[in-house]
Amino acid sequence: MSRFSFILVLALISSAFARRNELLTLEQIESRGIVFKGNSSHVPSHHLLSAPQTYPTDFTWCNKGGVNYCTMSRNQHIPQYCGSCWAHGTMSALADRIKIARGAKGVDINLSIQHLLNCGTAGSCNGGSIDGPYQWLQDLSQSTGSGISYETSNPYIACSSDSSEGFCKQVDTTCTPLNVARTCGSFSAEGGPCTGLSSYPNATIAEYGSISGVDAMMKEIYNRGPIACGVDATQLLNYEGGVVTQSGGGIDHVVSVVGWGTDAAAGFYWIVRNSWGEYWGEMGFFRVGKGALNIEEQCSWAVPGTFTAAELSNQYPCHEGGDNCNAKKSELEILKARFLGA
């Protein structure tokens, strides 16, 4: 084989195994009504945060004062491939901040990625944006008074309306009450079909914003919790541990940054949770050096608003079969009252 042929074969192999970019282009983002690097207020509250004279050399919300404020690690690629890192990174960071607001008390609240895939305007299994999920959630919060449902009422199936992977073609992912929050009372043969719920545990956000750079990231993480950031994931595919120090190309993936640390050889590094499962990397996490993989270029944060939690006594209890929370019945009652005066 000639040298040219060998190089061509390597190029073809590299192309065949090239990683899919899970972020939309700027044009695609703006066409969805998303503001690139947007902020929900003219003067973001991030600007009002104070910074200590010196930060600790090691800081992580996964072990802050002996308490773990981090929520679960996820795997976006099962039961089939779905390019939804943008949803996992942003919602994991928000779930952590809810846990921080609760003082790490009670059962963890894990937010429904599938609700965002079914109803959100920020992306799909074919990609999304760093800013979009928080913008969609605040719009939802302000327009309906409700927020994103919890994983227990809408589990992740790694499908969106434009995905043809695995069983996705056979799944309904339209934004209906069934695909926001549901329960299934019994087997269909026993007359127990699934019910879309009109009332369900949910979480909203009060504010969101965009930042970049080491100083802004450290100030935001230290004061308020993990953030979502874009990263060049091409160097991470075969990562097995240690501090990644390679410079990045383009940003094609979204992760959640939970803190930082110091390595004797590599120096400062970010502690980052990925969404590829705990089989990967350092139990689903990785460490990346300052300036590496473009991780400091584009990040987003959100401040939790209202959320449903046991200690707040703000749950509306639905029956096992969901009959008293049936969204269709609620809609019919509203229409009847409106048009028939009943």
Foldseek 3Di string as FASTA:
>chain_A
DDPVVVVVVVVVVCVVPPDAFQADDPVLQVVLVFDVQDWPDPDDCLVVFDDDPDDDQWDFCCQDVHHGLFDDFAALAPPHQFSQLLLVAAQRFVQSLVCVVVVVDDDGFRFASLLCQLDFSQDHSNHGHNRRVQVRQQVCCVPPVFGAATCVFAPDHNEHPPDPPDCNVVDDSHNDLSRRGKAFQDDVVVVTGIFRFQFGWGWGFDIKGKAFDDVSLQSCCVPRFKWKFFFACPVFPQAAADEAEAAADDTRGMWIWGIWHQDPPQGIWTKIAGNNALVGHPRRIYIYGPNHRCRRPMIMDTHIDDTDDPVVPPGDDADSSRPVGGPVVVVVVVVCCVPVVD
